[in-house]
Each structure stands twice: as C-alpha cells, then as structure tokens.
Amino acid sequence: MLRTNIDKLVMQSVQGCIKHPVTANPYYITGEGKPITLPAMGGITYNVKTGDPVFGWAGDHIEPGVTIKNEEDVANDALSLLSCIGNEATVISGDAKGTKGYVTGTHGGVEHVIINFDENLEKMVIGDSVMIKAWGQGLELLDYPNVKVMNISPDLFLKLGIREEDGKLKIPVAGIVPAYLMGSGIGTASSTRGDFDIMTTDMDEIKRNGLDQLRFGDIVLIKDFDSSYGRAYLKGAATVGVVIHGDCVRMGHGPGVTAIMTCKESLIESFIDKNANISTYIRGK
C-alpha cells in the first residue's frame, strides 16, 4: 500500500453559495465562426451529473450538478485552492439543509467549485450556502518524493487502484490524452486549483485517441505533460487528472481536467479501465 503523510494533513471548513449561471454575452463563437446561444457555467444543472458523457450536450463548459462560489474574492481564492476532489460537501441553509455531496472539480477562470449531490436538487435554490470539509492539499507519497499529488482527498486517492511496479506507479485511467490536445489553461502559474482543457476542434483526432466516450469524473493521463508548478509540455512527464466540465464550442477549449498527480520523470504509467471514474470509487460501485 502507498505510504503517505495522511496523518499530518489539515482539514478545514471552506464555504460558498450556489452560483447563478453566467454568460459573457448572448453568443459564443464556434470554431467555424458561427454565433450560437447556449447554457453555460454555474447554477444547478439538474440533468447532467458525474458519470454522464461530456460530449453531446447543447451547452458550453457545462458544470455537472451544483456550482458554488464565495463572493468575497480572497475567500473564494481559498475555497478554490483548498477544495479537493472527493471532499465532503454539506448544504447548510435552505430547504435542502443537511444534504451531503462531494466535490468533483475546480474550474479555473471563473473560479467555481463543482459538487455532486445525489438527492434534493429540487429543494436547492441559488444562494444556498454549502460548506466543504477541505482536506488533501499537502498530500505526499513518502516513497515517491518526485511525484506531486494535489487537488484530491486522501481517502479517494487511496481508492484509485494505483499499483507499484518496478519503482513506478501504474494507475487505471479511462483515457490517455496526448499533450498536443491540451489547450486553455496552459501556462497558468499553479495547478493547485482550476483546470485546463482538452481541445476538441478536431473531433476526428479525439475519436482516434479513443476520447469521444469520456464522462464527467473520468480519470485520464496526459502524456508528456508536467503540472508540478504550472502546466506545460515536457517530454517523459505525465499528469493524471479528473474530467470536471463539459465540451465547449470555442477554439482552444473542450472538456476540463483538474490535475491530481504529476511527475517530471517517467514514474507514472497507466492502463485503460473504462470504470476509472471518481463516482465508481466514491459510491463503491
């Protein structure tokens, strides 16, 4: 079993409110130059959830389930930074008070935290408060000091089925993404919050790489990509991440990925398992 510093990690409360959907303007411009009006980020998305396909929706950057944000910028920075995938979230106001869910990702740019609730969505309203038990930043693999872990709760991380073989870590993933398909979010100063996008302008290439069946919550490996202190191409490096938002019509965008593990060296390998989805591990199915 992987040795970690889990007993030294700090758990803190962070909080936000269900965020109203946001749109920059009436139209999004597609890669073909066509203006189109679509639902986008934020709000309570009733019919899109973790485990559903990321492609095919009439929407742009759709965030499955419930989106929260803290309207105080400094507090929202902490909410986005400390919230980790798999952390427990609890509604603490309104008719759905007491309902529990879990964090499924953090969305950069808009700085949203995305949460899955399996029940009581109909009782929730915009503005309801949600508290998260933030736990996971600072997680270390004691026998692999060059592998960085981030943005994931320790209990979920230990359920991912990672195997140690010949001094390397082998992780089950739903898909393998070549570095050249990564777009929006590259060059960001840190990978400890937010996401970056798999570009989908060339859907033939997406299909050729077997990525057209990706789902919200799928675990993927990005080849030749380092997310240690930002996001950039690096031959031999690898980044493991979770798919957190849906496809996009705009150039340079597509399904978003929040990084959970990375290494500059060739210490992370993967094998395909179509059940490699956070909902599988969290729900025990």
C-alpha atoms as a PDB file:
ATOM      1  CA  MET A   1       0.000   0.000   0.000  1.00  0.00           C
ATOM      2  CA  LEU A   2       1.199   3.505  -0.805  1.00  0.00           C
ATOM      3  CA  ARG A   3       2.759   5.260   2.174  1.00  0.00           C
ATOM      4  CA  THR A   4       1.511   8.835   2.619  1.00  0.00           C
ATOM      5  CA  ASN A   5       1.534  11.663   5.151  1.00  0.00           C
ATOM      6  CA  ILE A   6      -2.254  11.430   5.510  1.00  0.00           C
ATOM      7  CA  ASP A   7      -1.999  11.608   9.311  1.00  0.00           C
ATOM      8  CA  LYS A   8      -0.393  15.071   9.033  1.00  0.00           C
ATOM      9  CA  LEU A   9      -2.929  16.702   6.722  1.00  0.00           C
ATOM     10  CA  VAL A  10      -5.102  19.554   7.980  1.00  0.00           C
ATOM     11  CA  MET A  11      -8.873  19.570   7.417  1.00  0.00           C
ATOM     12  CA  GLN A  12     -10.549  22.998   7.294  1.00  0.00           C
ATOM     13  CA  SER A  13     -14.012  24.326   6.511  1.00  0.00           C
ATOM     14  CA  VAL A  14     -14.469  26.405   3.377  1.00  0.00           C
ATOM     15  CA  GLN A  15     -17.769  27.780   2.214  1.00  0.00           C
ATOM     16  CA  GLY A  16     -19.580  29.236  -0.767  1.00  0.00           C
ATOM     17  CA  CYS A  17     -23.064  29.782  -2.144  1.00  0.00           C
ATOM     18  CA  ILE A  18     -24.771  28.210  -5.135  1.00  0.00           C
ATOM     19  CA  LYS A  19     -23.800  30.474  -8.010  1.00  0.00           C
ATOM     20  CA  HIS A  20     -26.193  31.860 -10.603  1.00  0.00           C
ATOM     21  CA  PRO A  21     -25.418  30.745 -14.177  1.00  0.00           C
ATOM     22  CA  VAL A  22     -23.105  33.141 -16.000  1.00  0.00           C
ATOM     23  CA  THR A  23     -22.804  34.030 -19.685  1.00  0.00           C
ATOM     24  CA  ALA A  24     -20.321  36.564 -21.062  1.00  0.00           C
ATOM     25  CA  ASN A  25     -22.646  37.669 -23.883  1.00  0.00           C
ATOM     26  CA  PRO A  26     -25.614  36.326 -25.865  1.00  0.00           C
ATOM     27  CA  TYR A  27     -23.391  34.413 -28.289  1.00  0.00           C
ATOM     28  CA  TYR A  28     -20.477  32.008 -28.236  1.00  0.00           C
ATOM     29  CA  ILE A  29     -18.458  31.877 -31.459  1.00  0.00           C
ATOM     30  CA  THR A  30     -17.764  28.334 -32.615  1.00  0.00           C
ATOM     31  CA  GLY A  31     -14.596  27.124 -34.300  1.00  0.00           C
ATOM     32  CA  GLU A  32     -16.397  27.560 -37.618  1.00  0.00           C
ATOM     33  CA  GLY A  33     -17.189  31.200 -36.852  1.00  0.00           C
ATOM     34  CA  LYS A  34     -20.859  30.572 -36.117  1.00  0.00           C
ATOM     35  CA  PRO A  35     -22.538  32.549 -33.309  1.00  0.00           C
ATOM     36  CA  ILE A  36     -24.603  30.319 -31.040  1.00  0.00           C
ATOM     37  CA  THR A  37     -26.625  30.798 -27.855  1.00  0.00           C
ATOM     38  CA  LEU A  38     -26.211  28.059 -25.230  1.00  0.00           C
ATOM     39  CA  PRO A  39     -26.464  27.402 -21.487  1.00  0.00           C
ATOM     40  CA  ALA A  40     -23.044  27.592 -19.868  1.00  0.00           C
ATOM     41  CA  MET A  41     -21.400  27.581 -16.436  1.00  0.00           C
ATOM     42  CA  GLY A  42     -22.876  27.847 -12.963  1.00  0.00           C
ATOM     43  CA  GLY A  43     -26.204  27.217 -11.294  1.00  0.00           C
ATOM     44  CA  ILE A  44     -27.933  23.940 -10.504  1.00  0.00           C
ATOM     45  CA  THR A  45     -27.730  21.628 -13.510  1.00  0.00           C
ATOM     46  CA  TYR A  46     -30.483  19.104 -12.937  1.00  0.00           C
ATOM     47  CA  ASN A  47     -29.980  16.663 -15.786  1.00  0.00           C
ATOM     48  CA  VAL A  48     -26.179  16.463 -16.076  1.00  0.00           C
ATOM     49  CA  LYS A  49     -24.222  14.608 -13.393  1.00  0.00           C
ATOM     50  CA  THR A  50     -20.961  12.838 -12.651  1.00  0.00           C
ATOM     51  CA  GLY A  51     -20.710   9.718 -14.797  1.00  0.00           C
ATOM     52  CA  ASP A  52     -22.626  11.214 -17.743  1.00  0.00           C
ATOM     53  CA  PRO A  53     -20.919  11.755 -21.144  1.00  0.00           C
ATOM     54  CA  VAL A  54     -19.069  15.063 -21.567  1.00  0.00           C
ATOM     55  CA  PHE A  55     -19.955  15.246 -25.265  1.00  0.00           C
ATOM     56  CA  GLY A  56     -23.283  15.783 -26.960  1.00  0.00           C
ATOM     57  CA  TRP A  57     -24.875  18.377 -24.657  1.00  0.00           C
ATOM     58  CA  ALA A  58     -26.295  21.602 -26.107  1.00  0.00           C
ATOM     59  CA  GLY A  59     -24.142  23.649 -23.762  1.00  0.00           C
ATOM     60  CA  ASP A  60     -20.703  25.228 -23.291  1.00  0.00           C
ATOM     61  CA  HIS A  61     -18.391  24.396 -20.346  1.00  0.00           C
ATOM     62  CA  ILE A  62     -21.336  22.733 -18.566  1.00  0.00           C
ATOM     63  CA  GLU A  63     -20.586  22.039 -14.893  1.00  0.00           C
ATOM     64  CA  PRO A  64     -22.484  18.921 -13.763  1.00  0.00           C
ATOM     65  CA  GLY A  65     -24.550  19.149 -10.598  1.00  0.00           C
ATOM     66  CA  VAL A  66     -24.134  22.227  -8.405  1.00  0.00           C
ATOM     67  CA  THR A  67     -21.723  25.138  -8.773  1.00  0.00           C
ATOM     68  CA  ILE A  68     -20.646  27.223  -5.777  1.00  0.00           C
ATOM     69  CA  LYS A  69     -18.554  30.347  -5.287  1.00  0.00           C
ATOM     70  CA  ASN A  70     -17.739  32.754  -2.440  1.00  0.00           C
ATOM     71  CA  GLU A  71     -18.476  36.330  -3.451  1.00  0.00           C
ATOM     72  CA  GLU A  72     -15.551  37.630  -1.399  1.00  0.00           C
ATOM     73  CA  ASP A  73     -12.544  37.306  -3.714  1.00  0.00           C
ATOM     74  CA  VAL A  74      -9.974  36.403  -1.056  1.00  0.00           C
ATOM     75  CA  ALA A  75     -12.297  33.827   0.481  1.00  0.00           C
ATOM     76  CA  ASN A  76     -13.069  32.388  -2.950  1.00  0.00           C
ATOM     77  CA  ASP A  77      -9.352  32.020  -3.616  1.00  0.00           C
ATOM     78  CA  ALA A  78      -9.171  29.798  -0.535  1.00  0.00           C
ATOM     79  CA  LEU A  79     -12.349  27.924  -1.498  1.00  0.00           C
ATOM     80  CA  SER A  80     -10.904  27.138  -4.936  1.00  0.00           C
ATOM     81  CA  LEU A  81      -7.435  26.285  -3.630  1.00  0.00           C
ATOM     82  CA  LEU A  82      -8.350  24.111  -0.644  1.00  0.00           C
ATOM     83  CA  SER A  83     -11.375  22.241  -2.023  1.00  0.00           C
ATOM     84  CA  CYS A  84     -10.236  18.832  -3.245  1.00  0.00           C
ATOM     85  CA  ILE A  85     -11.986  16.299  -5.439  1.00  0.00           C
ATOM     86  CA  GLY A  86     -13.814  13.844  -3.205  1.00  0.00           C
ATOM     87  CA  ASN A  87     -14.172  16.220  -0.242  1.00  0.00           C
ATOM     88  CA  GLU A  88     -17.483  16.039   1.612  1.00  0.00           C
ATOM     89  CA  ALA A  89     -19.845  18.963   0.936  1.00  0.00           C
ATOM     90  CA  THR A  90     -22.939  19.781   3.008  1.00  0.00           C
ATOM     91  CA  VAL A  91     -25.785  22.198   2.281  1.00  0.00           C
ATOM     92  CA  ILE A  92     -26.090  24.374   5.399  1.00  0.00           C
ATOM     93  CA  SER A  93     -29.046  26.620   4.535  1.00  0.00           C
ATOM     94  CA  GLY A  94     -32.434  26.431   2.837  1.00  0.00           C
ATOM     95  CA  ASP A  95     -34.872  23.580   2.294  1.00  0.00           C
ATOM     96  CA  ALA A  96     -32.090  21.127   1.380  1.00  0.00           C
ATOM     97  CA  LYS A  97     -30.131  21.809   4.568  1.00  0.00           C
ATOM     98  CA  GLY A  98     -28.174  18.742   5.663  1.00  0.00           C
ATOM     99  CA  THR A  99     -27.885  17.220   2.176  1.00  0.00           C
ATOM    100  CA  LYS A 100     -24.418  15.793   1.576  1.00  0.00           C
ATOM    101  CA  GLY A 101     -22.439  15.500  -1.624  1.00  0.00           C
ATOM    102  CA  TYR A 102     -18.842  15.581  -2.793  1.00  0.00           C
ATOM    103  CA  VAL A 103     -16.554  17.902  -4.743  1.00  0.00           C
ATOM    104  CA  THR A 104     -15.983  16.838  -8.355  1.00  0.00           C
ATOM    105  CA  GLY A 105     -13.632  19.598  -9.527  1.00  0.00           C
ATOM    106  CA  THR A 106     -12.479  23.203  -9.534  1.00  0.00           C
ATOM    107  CA  HIS A 107     -12.992  25.294 -12.670  1.00  0.00           C
ATOM    108  CA  GLY A 108     -10.338  27.905 -13.449  1.00  0.00           C
ATOM    109  CA  GLY A 109     -11.039  31.323 -14.917  1.00  0.00           C
ATOM    110  CA  VAL A 110     -14.484  31.550 -13.340  1.00  0.00           C
ATOM    111  CA  GLU A 111     -13.041  30.028 -10.121  1.00  0.00           C
ATOM    112  CA  HIS A 112     -16.002  27.745  -9.451  1.00  0.00           C
ATOM    113  CA  VAL A 113     -16.154  24.666  -7.246  1.00  0.00           C
ATOM    114  CA  ILE A 114     -18.347  21.891  -8.659  1.00  0.00           C
ATOM    115  CA  ILE A 115     -20.258  19.495  -6.395  1.00  0.00           C
ATOM    116  CA  ASN A 116     -22.258  16.318  -6.984  1.00  0.00           C
ATOM    117  CA  PHE A 117     -25.405  15.788  -4.908  1.00  0.00           C
ATOM    118  CA  ASP A 118     -27.314  12.559  -5.467  1.00  0.00           C
ATOM    119  CA  GLU A 119     -30.526  13.927  -3.955  1.00  0.00           C
ATOM    120  CA  ASN A 120     -32.557  17.036  -3.117  1.00  0.00           C
ATOM    121  CA  LEU A 121     -31.511  19.143  -6.126  1.00  0.00           C
ATOM    122  CA  GLU A 122     -35.134  20.237  -6.461  1.00  0.00           C
ATOM    123  CA  LYS A 123     -35.019  21.661  -2.934  1.00  0.00           C
ATOM    124  CA  MET A 124     -31.923  23.777  -3.600  1.00  0.00           C
ATOM    125  CA  VAL A 125     -32.000  27.371  -4.808  1.00  0.00           C
ATOM    126  CA  ILE A 126     -29.472  29.922  -5.991  1.00  0.00           C
ATOM    127  CA  GLY A 127     -27.776  31.432  -2.932  1.00  0.00           C
ATOM    128  CA  ASP A 128     -27.984  28.385  -0.655  1.00  0.00           C
ATOM    129  CA  SER A 129     -24.795  28.006   1.376  1.00  0.00           C
ATOM    130  CA  VAL A 130     -22.595  24.937   1.087  1.00  0.00           C
ATOM    131  CA  MET A 131     -19.729  24.029   3.419  1.00  0.00           C
ATOM    132  CA  ILE A 132     -16.855  21.769   2.373  1.00  0.00           C
ATOM    133  CA  LYS A 133     -14.509  19.836   4.630  1.00  0.00           C
ATOM    134  CA  ALA A 134     -11.386  20.778   2.681  1.00  0.00           C
ATOM    135  CA  TRP A 135      -8.745  18.083   3.019  1.00  0.00           C
ATOM    136  CA  GLY A 136      -5.967  16.976   0.713  1.00  0.00           C
ATOM    137  CA  GLN A 137      -3.593  19.783  -0.254  1.00  0.00           C
ATOM    138  CA  GLY A 138      -0.159  18.845   1.047  1.00  0.00           C
ATOM    139  CA  LEU A 139      -0.616  15.115   0.442  1.00  0.00           C
ATOM    140  CA  GLU A 140       2.729  13.426  -0.204  1.00  0.00           C
ATOM    141  CA  LEU A 141       3.833   9.974  -1.335  1.00  0.00           C
ATOM    142  CA  LEU A 142       6.630   9.159   1.087  1.00  0.00           C
ATOM    143  CA  ASP A 143       8.361   6.660  -1.196  1.00  0.00           C
ATOM    144  CA  TYR A 144       7.979   8.800  -4.331  1.00  0.00           C
ATOM    145  CA  PRO A 145       9.162  12.324  -3.437  1.00  0.00           C
ATOM    146  CA  ASN A 146       9.329  13.388  -7.098  1.00  0.00           C
ATOM    147  CA  VAL A 147       5.644  12.635  -7.651  1.00  0.00           C
ATOM    148  CA  LYS A 148       3.398  15.541  -6.704  1.00  0.00           C
ATOM    149  CA  VAL A 149      -0.179  14.924  -5.553  1.00  0.00           C
ATOM    150  CA  MET A 150      -2.751  17.730  -5.431  1.00  0.00           C
ATOM    151  CA  ASN A 151      -6.454  18.586  -5.523  1.00  0.00           C
ATOM    152  CA  ILE A 152      -7.733  15.206  -4.312  1.00  0.00           C
ATOM    153  CA  SER A 153      -8.926  13.967  -0.935  1.00  0.00           C
ATOM    154  CA  PRO A 154      -6.564  11.366   0.571  1.00  0.00           C
ATOM    155  CA  ASP A 155      -9.289   8.768   1.100  1.00  0.00           C
ATOM    156  CA  LEU A 156     -10.319   8.977  -2.575  1.00  0.00           C
ATOM    157  CA  PHE A 157      -6.695   8.918  -3.745  1.00  0.00           C
ATOM    158  CA  LEU A 158      -6.077   5.664  -1.897  1.00  0.00           C
ATOM    159  CA  LYS A 159      -9.099   4.095  -3.657  1.00  0.00           C
ATOM    160  CA  LEU A 160      -7.813   4.734  -7.190  1.00  0.00           C
ATOM    161  CA  GLY A 161      -6.245   1.303  -7.563  1.00  0.00           C
ATOM    162  CA  ILE A 162      -2.699   2.565  -8.119  1.00  0.00           C
ATOM    163  CA  ARG A 163      -0.148  -0.260  -8.351  1.00  0.00           C
ATOM    164  CA  GLU A 164       3.554  -0.125  -7.577  1.00  0.00           C
ATOM    165  CA  GLU A 165       5.587  -1.962 -10.200  1.00  0.00           C
ATOM    166  CA  ASP A 166       9.374  -1.772 -10.799  1.00  0.00           C
ATOM    167  CA  GLY A 167       9.680   1.529  -8.972  1.00  0.00           C
ATOM    168  CA  LYS A 168       6.846   3.136 -10.909  1.00  0.00           C
ATOM    169  CA  LEU A 169       3.175   3.920 -10.259  1.00  0.00           C
ATOM    170  CA  LYS A 170       0.575   2.385 -12.585  1.00  0.00           C
ATOM    171  CA  ILE A 171      -2.892   3.923 -12.434  1.00  0.00           C
ATOM    172  CA  PRO A 172      -6.132   2.848 -14.138  1.00  0.00           C
ATOM    173  CA  VAL A 173      -7.484   5.574 -16.446  1.00  0.00           C
ATOM    174  CA  ALA A 174     -10.452   5.935 -18.767  1.00  0.00           C
ATOM    175  CA  GLY A 175      -8.355   7.607 -21.460  1.00  0.00           C
ATOM    176  CA  ILE A 176      -4.870   8.733 -22.450  1.00  0.00           C
ATOM    177  CA  VAL A 177      -4.518  12.278 -23.808  1.00  0.00           C
ATOM    178  CA  PRO A 178      -1.529  13.348 -25.941  1.00  0.00           C
ATOM    179  CA  ALA A 179      -0.026  16.671 -24.863  1.00  0.00           C
ATOM    180  CA  TYR A 180      -0.780  18.361 -28.187  1.00  0.00           C
ATOM    181  CA  LEU A 181      -4.527  18.196 -27.455  1.00  0.00           C
ATOM    182  CA  MET A 182      -4.260  20.335 -24.309  1.00  0.00           C
ATOM    183  CA  GLY A 183      -5.331  23.965 -24.680  1.00  0.00           C
ATOM    184  CA  SER A 184      -6.939  26.616 -22.494  1.00  0.00           C
ATOM    185  CA  GLY A 185      -5.244  26.774 -19.081  1.00  0.00           C
ATOM    186  CA  ILE A 186      -1.693  26.015 -20.252  1.00  0.00           C
ATOM    187  CA  GLY A 187       0.822  28.422 -18.720  1.00  0.00           C
ATOM    188  CA  THR A 188      -1.131  29.022 -15.526  1.00  0.00           C
ATOM    189  CA  ALA A 189       1.216  29.687 -12.591  1.00  0.00           C
ATOM    190  CA  SER A 190      -0.148  26.854 -10.447  1.00  0.00           C
ATOM    191  CA  SER A 191      -2.014  23.571 -10.871  1.00  0.00           C
ATOM    192  CA  THR A 192      -3.294  23.513  -7.300  1.00  0.00           C
ATOM    193  CA  ARG A 193      -6.644  24.883  -8.384  1.00  0.00           C
ATOM    194  CA  GLY A 194      -8.625  25.211 -11.572  1.00  0.00           C
ATOM    195  CA  ASP A 195      -8.322  23.126 -14.722  1.00  0.00           C
ATOM    196  CA  PHE A 196      -7.125  23.045 -18.309  1.00  0.00           C
ATOM    197  CA  ASP A 197      -8.973  21.898 -21.401  1.00  0.00           C
ATOM    198  CA  ILE A 198      -8.715  19.052 -23.884  1.00  0.00           C
ATOM    199  CA  MET A 199      -9.141  20.821 -27.241  1.00  0.00           C
ATOM    200  CA  THR A 200     -11.936  19.319 -29.334  1.00  0.00           C
ATOM    201  CA  THR A 201     -11.931  21.381 -32.524  1.00  0.00           C
ATOM    202  CA  ASP A 202     -10.573  18.297 -34.317  1.00  0.00           C
ATOM    203  CA  MET A 203     -13.092  15.639 -33.283  1.00  0.00           C
ATOM    204  CA  ASP A 204     -11.540  13.107 -35.646  1.00  0.00           C
ATOM    205  CA  GLU A 205      -8.373  13.266 -33.550  1.00  0.00           C
ATOM    206  CA  ILE A 206     -10.412  12.957 -30.352  1.00  0.00           C
ATOM    207  CA  LYS A 207     -12.009   9.791 -31.733  1.00  0.00           C
ATOM    208  CA  ARG A 208      -8.673   8.444 -32.983  1.00  0.00           C
ATOM    209  CA  ASN A 209      -7.356   8.678 -29.419  1.00  0.00           C
ATOM    210  CA  GLY A 210     -10.463   6.988 -28.005  1.00  0.00           C
ATOM    211  CA  LEU A 211     -11.542  10.082 -26.063  1.00  0.00           C
ATOM    212  CA  ASP A 212     -15.006  10.576 -27.570  1.00  0.00           C
ATOM    213  CA  GLN A 213     -16.610   8.453 -24.826  1.00  0.00           C
ATOM    214  CA  LEU A 214     -15.209  10.430 -21.875  1.00  0.00           C
ATOM    215  CA  ARG A 215     -17.531  11.060 -18.918  1.00  0.00           C
ATOM    216  CA  PHE A 216     -17.684  13.627 -16.160  1.00  0.00           C
ATOM    217  CA  GLY A 217     -15.483  12.296 -13.374  1.00  0.00           C
ATOM    218  CA  ASP A 218     -13.297  10.118 -15.602  1.00  0.00           C
ATOM    219  CA  ILE A 219      -9.645   9.804 -14.681  1.00  0.00           C
ATOM    220  CA  VAL A 220      -7.252  10.456 -17.573  1.00  0.00           C
ATOM    221  CA  LEU A 221      -3.500  10.518 -18.101  1.00  0.00           C
ATOM    222  CA  ILE A 222      -1.946  13.346 -20.116  1.00  0.00           C
ATOM    223  CA  LYS A 223       1.296  12.190 -21.721  1.00  0.00           C
ATOM    224  CA  ASP A 224       4.428  14.358 -21.849  1.00  0.00           C
ATOM    225  CA  PHE A 225       2.846  16.998 -19.634  1.00  0.00           C
ATOM    226  CA  ASP A 226       4.142  18.441 -16.370  1.00  0.00           C
ATOM    227  CA  SER A 227       1.822  20.104 -13.851  1.00  0.00           C
ATOM    228  CA  SER A 228       4.291  20.426 -10.956  1.00  0.00           C
ATOM    229  CA  TYR A 229       4.402  24.238 -10.788  1.00  0.00           C
ATOM    230  CA  GLY A 230       2.097  25.250 -13.582  1.00  0.00           C
ATOM    231  CA  ARG A 231       1.164  23.491 -16.832  1.00  0.00           C
ATOM    232  CA  ALA A 232       3.472  22.826 -19.760  1.00  0.00           C
ATOM    233  CA  TYR A 233       4.714  20.235 -22.265  1.00  0.00           C
ATOM    234  CA  LEU A 234       7.667  18.172 -21.014  1.00  0.00           C
ATOM    235  CA  LYS A 235       8.838  15.030 -22.779  1.00  0.00           C
ATOM    236  CA  GLY A 236       8.579  11.994 -20.494  1.00  0.00           C
ATOM    237  CA  ALA A 237       6.485  13.741 -17.859  1.00  0.00           C
ATOM    238  CA  ALA A 238       2.912  12.747 -17.037  1.00  0.00           C
ATOM    239  CA  THR A 239      -0.132  14.346 -15.454  1.00  0.00           C
ATOM    240  CA  VAL A 240      -3.137  12.454 -14.106  1.00  0.00           C
ATOM    241  CA  GLY A 241      -6.380  14.388 -13.856  1.00  0.00           C
ATOM    242  CA  VAL A 242     -10.156  14.227 -13.489  1.00  0.00           C
ATOM    243  CA  VAL A 243     -12.585  15.443 -16.183  1.00  0.00           C
ATOM    244  CA  ILE A 244     -14.628  18.167 -14.472  1.00  0.00           C
ATOM    245  CA  HIS A 245     -16.661  20.100 -17.068  1.00  0.00           C
ATOM    246  CA  GLY A 246     -18.190  19.503 -20.447  1.00  0.00           C
ATOM    247  CA  ASP A 247     -17.205  20.148 -24.037  1.00  0.00           C
ATOM    248  CA  CYS A 248     -17.052  23.680 -25.484  1.00  0.00           C
ATOM    249  CA  VAL A 249     -17.745  25.198 -28.871  1.00  0.00           C
ATOM    250  CA  ARG A 250     -14.908  27.750 -28.740  1.00  0.00           C
ATOM    251  CA  MET A 251     -11.431  27.369 -30.215  1.00  0.00           C
ATOM    252  CA  GLY A 252      -8.796  26.099 -27.792  1.00  0.00           C
ATOM    253  CA  HIS A 253     -11.379  24.732 -25.358  1.00  0.00           C
ATOM    254  CA  GLY A 254     -13.054  21.431 -24.536  1.00  0.00           C
ATOM    255  CA  PRO A 255     -13.656  19.167 -21.535  1.00  0.00           C
ATOM    256  CA  GLY A 256     -11.777  20.491 -18.494  1.00  0.00           C
ATOM    257  CA  VAL A 257      -9.290  18.449 -16.470  1.00  0.00           C
ATOM    258  CA  THR A 258      -8.224  19.149 -12.878  1.00  0.00           C
ATOM    259  CA  ALA A 259      -4.787  17.673 -12.142  1.00  0.00           C
ATOM    260  CA  ILE A 260      -4.445  15.243  -9.222  1.00  0.00           C
ATOM    261  CA  MET A 261      -0.946  13.805  -9.750  1.00  0.00           C
ATOM    262  CA  THR A 262       2.128  14.681 -11.822  1.00  0.00           C
ATOM    263  CA  CYS A 263       5.810  13.923 -12.227  1.00  0.00           C
ATOM    264  CA  LYS A 264       8.581  15.411 -14.367  1.00  0.00           C
ATOM    265  CA  GLU A 265      10.183  11.971 -14.634  1.00  0.00           C
ATOM    266  CA  SER A 266       8.764   8.819 -16.206  1.00  0.00           C
ATOM    267  CA  LEU A 267       7.457   7.411 -12.934  1.00  0.00           C
ATOM    268  CA  ILE A 268       3.727   7.425 -13.728  1.00  0.00           C
ATOM    269  CA  GLU A 269       2.244   4.894 -16.125  1.00  0.00           C
ATOM    270  CA  SER A 270      -1.339   3.940 -16.892  1.00  0.00           C
ATOM    271  CA  PHE A 271      -3.590   1.202 -18.176  1.00  0.00           C
ATOM    272  CA  ILE A 272      -7.083   1.553 -19.594  1.00  0.00           C
ATOM    273  CA  ASP A 273     -10.048   0.824 -17.351  1.00  0.00           C
ATOM    274  CA  LYS A 274     -13.342   2.288 -18.559  1.00  0.00           C
ATOM    275  CA  ASN A 275     -14.628   2.202 -14.964  1.00  0.00           C
ATOM    276  CA  ALA A 276     -11.916   4.623 -13.829  1.00  0.00           C
ATOM    277  CA  ASN A 277     -14.321   7.333 -12.695  1.00  0.00           C
ATOM    278  CA  ILE A 278     -14.474   9.065  -9.323  1.00  0.00           C
ATOM    279  CA  SER A 279     -18.132   8.126  -8.887  1.00  0.00           C
ATOM    280  CA  THR A 280     -17.142   4.460  -9.094  1.00  0.00           C
ATOM    281  CA  TYR A 281     -14.682   4.825  -6.239  1.00  0.00           C
ATOM    282  CA  ILE A 282     -16.793   7.137  -4.086  1.00  0.00           C
ATOM    283  CA  ARG A 283     -20.026   5.156  -4.394  1.00  0.00           C
ATOM    284  CA  GLY A 284     -18.241   1.819  -4.253  1.00  0.00           C
ATOM    285  CA  LYS A 285     -19.875   0.540  -7.426  1.00  0.00           C
END
